[in-house]
């Protein structure tokens, strides 16, 4: 289980990360940090710097292609299917392998 699993209305950190992928792929960049009818900032609004938003965007593009129902604006809130969970877990592993671990080697050298 993950934090907030099955507990509406916010569903926990898992939902925050999934929702950021949903927002960044569905909304224009100009609306990522603005409260609009499509972006309720009280519901896991983006609150990290833009580099994080672009990271969510890159992963969200893959997620939307593979699981469109899991990243659909408005209708995917609280999505906790096994497929979405697997994608989210794999996105962390891929990010670590592509960004974090090479960065550690760069710093150590």
C-alpha atoms as a PDB file:
ATOM      1  CA  UNK A   1       0.000   0.000   0.000  1.00  0.00           C
ATOM      2  CA  UNK A   2       1.015   3.625  -0.445  1.00  0.00           C
ATOM      3  CA  UNK A   3       0.308   6.699   1.639  1.00  0.00           C
ATOM      4  CA  UNK A   4      -3.296   7.754   1.246  1.00  0.00           C
ATOM      5  CA  UNK A   5      -4.292   4.649  -0.709  1.00  0.00           C
ATOM      6  CA  UNK A   6      -8.061   4.485  -1.019  1.00  0.00           C
ATOM      7  CA  UNK A   7      -8.540   7.606   1.131  1.00  0.00           C
ATOM      8  CA  UNK A   8     -10.322  10.361  -0.756  1.00  0.00           C
ATOM      9  CA  UNK A   9     -10.341  13.217  -1.353  1.00  0.00           C
ATOM     10  CA  UNK A  10      -6.539  13.658  -1.632  1.00  0.00           C
ATOM     11  CA  UNK A  11      -5.313  10.012  -1.845  1.00  0.00           C
ATOM     12  CA  UNK A  12      -1.743  10.832  -0.683  1.00  0.00           C
ATOM     13  CA  UNK A  13       1.618  11.443  -2.307  1.00  0.00           C
ATOM     14  CA  UNK A  14       1.139   8.778  -4.974  1.00  0.00           C
ATOM     15  CA  UNK A  15      -1.840  10.753  -6.267  1.00  0.00           C
ATOM     16  CA  UNK A  16       0.142  13.993  -6.169  1.00  0.00           C
ATOM     17  CA  UNK A  17       2.812  12.553  -8.477  1.00  0.00           C
ATOM     18  CA  UNK A  18       0.246  10.963 -10.800  1.00  0.00           C
ATOM     19  CA  UNK A  19      -1.826  14.144 -10.869  1.00  0.00           C
ATOM     20  CA  UNK A  20       1.221  16.258 -11.796  1.00  0.00           C
ATOM     21  CA  UNK A  21       1.782  13.994 -14.797  1.00  0.00           C
ATOM     22  CA  UNK A  22      -1.898  14.441 -15.687  1.00  0.00           C
ATOM     23  CA  UNK A  23      -1.750  18.243 -15.377  1.00  0.00           C
ATOM     24  CA  UNK A  24       1.470  18.814 -17.248  1.00  0.00           C
ATOM     25  CA  UNK A  25       0.388  16.717 -20.214  1.00  0.00           C
ATOM     26  CA  UNK A  26      -3.162  18.096 -20.393  1.00  0.00           C
ATOM     27  CA  UNK A  27      -2.650  21.812 -19.772  1.00  0.00           C
ATOM     28  CA  UNK A  28      -0.571  24.475 -21.514  1.00  0.00           C
ATOM     29  CA  UNK A  29       2.630  25.404 -19.666  1.00  0.00           C
ATOM     30  CA  UNK A  30       1.150  28.817 -18.869  1.00  0.00           C
ATOM     31  CA  UNK A  31      -1.520  27.124 -16.718  1.00  0.00           C
ATOM     32  CA  UNK A  32       0.689  24.733 -14.758  1.00  0.00           C
ATOM     33  CA  UNK A  33       1.009  27.078 -11.782  1.00  0.00           C
ATOM     34  CA  UNK A  34      -2.253  29.028 -12.161  1.00  0.00           C
ATOM     35  CA  UNK A  35      -5.576  28.272 -10.507  1.00  0.00           C
ATOM     36  CA  UNK A  36      -8.029  27.648 -13.356  1.00  0.00           C
ATOM     37  CA  UNK A  37     -11.183  25.621 -13.900  1.00  0.00           C
ATOM     38  CA  UNK A  38      -8.945  22.779 -15.109  1.00  0.00           C
ATOM     39  CA  UNK A  39      -6.258  23.212 -12.460  1.00  0.00           C
ATOM     40  CA  UNK A  40      -7.510  23.392  -8.892  1.00  0.00           C
ATOM     41  CA  UNK A  41      -4.358  24.328  -6.977  1.00  0.00           C
ATOM     42  CA  UNK A  42      -5.939  23.063  -3.745  1.00  0.00           C
ATOM     43  CA  UNK A  43      -5.977  19.553  -5.246  1.00  0.00           C
ATOM     44  CA  UNK A  44      -2.278  18.722  -5.527  1.00  0.00           C
ATOM     45  CA  UNK A  45      -1.352  21.821  -7.487  1.00  0.00           C
ATOM     46  CA  UNK A  46       2.203  21.947  -8.764  1.00  0.00           C
ATOM     47  CA  UNK A  47       4.305  23.370  -5.948  1.00  0.00           C
ATOM     48  CA  UNK A  48       7.807  22.420  -7.051  1.00  0.00           C
ATOM     49  CA  UNK A  49      10.125  24.313  -9.432  1.00  0.00           C
ATOM     50  CA  UNK A  50       9.604  24.058 -13.208  1.00  0.00           C
ATOM     51  CA  UNK A  51      12.349  21.445 -13.685  1.00  0.00           C
ATOM     52  CA  UNK A  52      10.223  19.058 -11.621  1.00  0.00           C
ATOM     53  CA  UNK A  53       7.175  19.941 -13.709  1.00  0.00           C
ATOM     54  CA  UNK A  54       9.052  19.139 -16.915  1.00  0.00           C
ATOM     55  CA  UNK A  55      10.141  15.828 -15.390  1.00  0.00           C
ATOM     56  CA  UNK A  56       6.459  15.098 -14.653  1.00  0.00           C
ATOM     57  CA  UNK A  57       5.631  16.142 -18.207  1.00  0.00           C
ATOM     58  CA  UNK A  58       8.182  13.746 -19.746  1.00  0.00           C
ATOM     59  CA  UNK A  59       6.975  10.822 -17.642  1.00  0.00           C
ATOM     60  CA  UNK A  60       3.339  11.843 -18.168  1.00  0.00           C
ATOM     61  CA  UNK A  61       3.755  11.719 -21.954  1.00  0.00           C
ATOM     62  CA  UNK A  62       4.768   8.080 -21.658  1.00  0.00           C
ATOM     63  CA  UNK A  63       2.018   7.376 -19.114  1.00  0.00           C
ATOM     64  CA  UNK A  64      -0.683   8.967 -21.271  1.00  0.00           C
ATOM     65  CA  UNK A  65       0.398   6.944 -24.277  1.00  0.00           C
ATOM     66  CA  UNK A  66       0.419   3.647 -22.364  1.00  0.00           C
ATOM     67  CA  UNK A  67      -2.507   4.246 -19.981  1.00  0.00           C
ATOM     68  CA  UNK A  68      -4.624   7.162 -21.210  1.00  0.00           C
ATOM     69  CA  UNK A  69      -7.389   6.438 -18.684  1.00  0.00           C
ATOM     70  CA  UNK A  70      -4.869   6.659 -15.830  1.00  0.00           C
ATOM     71  CA  UNK A  71      -3.777  10.195 -16.744  1.00  0.00           C
ATOM     72  CA  UNK A  72      -6.948  11.752 -18.184  1.00  0.00           C
ATOM     73  CA  UNK A  73      -7.712  15.255 -16.964  1.00  0.00           C
ATOM     74  CA  UNK A  74     -10.522  15.289 -14.358  1.00  0.00           C
ATOM     75  CA  UNK A  75     -11.615  11.651 -14.784  1.00  0.00           C
ATOM     76  CA  UNK A  76      -8.477   9.954 -13.456  1.00  0.00           C
ATOM     77  CA  UNK A  77      -8.479  11.460  -9.959  1.00  0.00           C
ATOM     78  CA  UNK A  78      -7.606   8.831  -7.412  1.00  0.00           C
ATOM     79  CA  UNK A  79      -6.651   6.318 -10.095  1.00  0.00           C
ATOM     80  CA  UNK A  80      -5.035   3.398  -8.244  1.00  0.00           C
ATOM     81  CA  UNK A  81      -5.242   0.569 -10.765  1.00  0.00           C
ATOM     82  CA  UNK A  82      -2.509  -2.061 -10.760  1.00  0.00           C
ATOM     83  CA  UNK A  83      -1.343  -0.774 -14.151  1.00  0.00           C
ATOM     84  CA  UNK A  84      -1.028   2.825 -12.962  1.00  0.00           C
ATOM     85  CA  UNK A  85       0.808   1.687  -9.830  1.00  0.00           C
ATOM     86  CA  UNK A  86       3.217  -0.392 -11.925  1.00  0.00           C
ATOM     87  CA  UNK A  87       3.850   2.534 -14.271  1.00  0.00           C
ATOM     88  CA  UNK A  88       4.467   4.919 -11.381  1.00  0.00           C
ATOM     89  CA  UNK A  89       6.918   2.511  -9.734  1.00  0.00           C
ATOM     90  CA  UNK A  90       8.747   1.912 -13.010  1.00  0.00           C
ATOM     91  CA  UNK A  91       8.926   5.673 -13.622  1.00  0.00           C
ATOM     92  CA  UNK A  92      10.820   6.058 -10.330  1.00  0.00           C
ATOM     93  CA  UNK A  93      13.246   3.280 -11.245  1.00  0.00           C
ATOM     94  CA  UNK A  94      13.784   4.732 -14.735  1.00  0.00           C
ATOM     95  CA  UNK A  95      14.334   8.226 -13.325  1.00  0.00           C
ATOM     96  CA  UNK A  96      16.878   6.902 -10.839  1.00  0.00           C
ATOM     97  CA  UNK A  97      18.727   4.960 -13.530  1.00  0.00           C
ATOM     98  CA  UNK A  98      18.751   7.815 -16.038  1.00  0.00           C
ATOM     99  CA  UNK A  99      19.256  10.838 -13.772  1.00  0.00           C
ATOM    100  CA  UNK A 100      20.098  10.170 -10.138  1.00  0.00           C
ATOM    101  CA  UNK A 101      22.655   7.362 -10.408  1.00  0.00           C
ATOM    102  CA  UNK A 102      24.651   8.978 -13.272  1.00  0.00           C
ATOM    103  CA  UNK A 103      24.588  12.228 -11.264  1.00  0.00           C
ATOM    104  CA  UNK A 104      26.085  10.408  -8.271  1.00  0.00           C
ATOM    105  CA  UNK A 105      28.895   9.022 -10.440  1.00  0.00           C
ATOM    106  CA  UNK A 106      29.525  12.497 -11.875  1.00  0.00           C
ATOM    107  CA  UNK A 107      29.839  14.010  -8.399  1.00  0.00           C
ATOM    108  CA  UNK A 108      32.104  11.230  -7.106  1.00  0.00           C
ATOM    109  CA  UNK A 109      34.520  11.536 -10.045  1.00  0.00           C
END
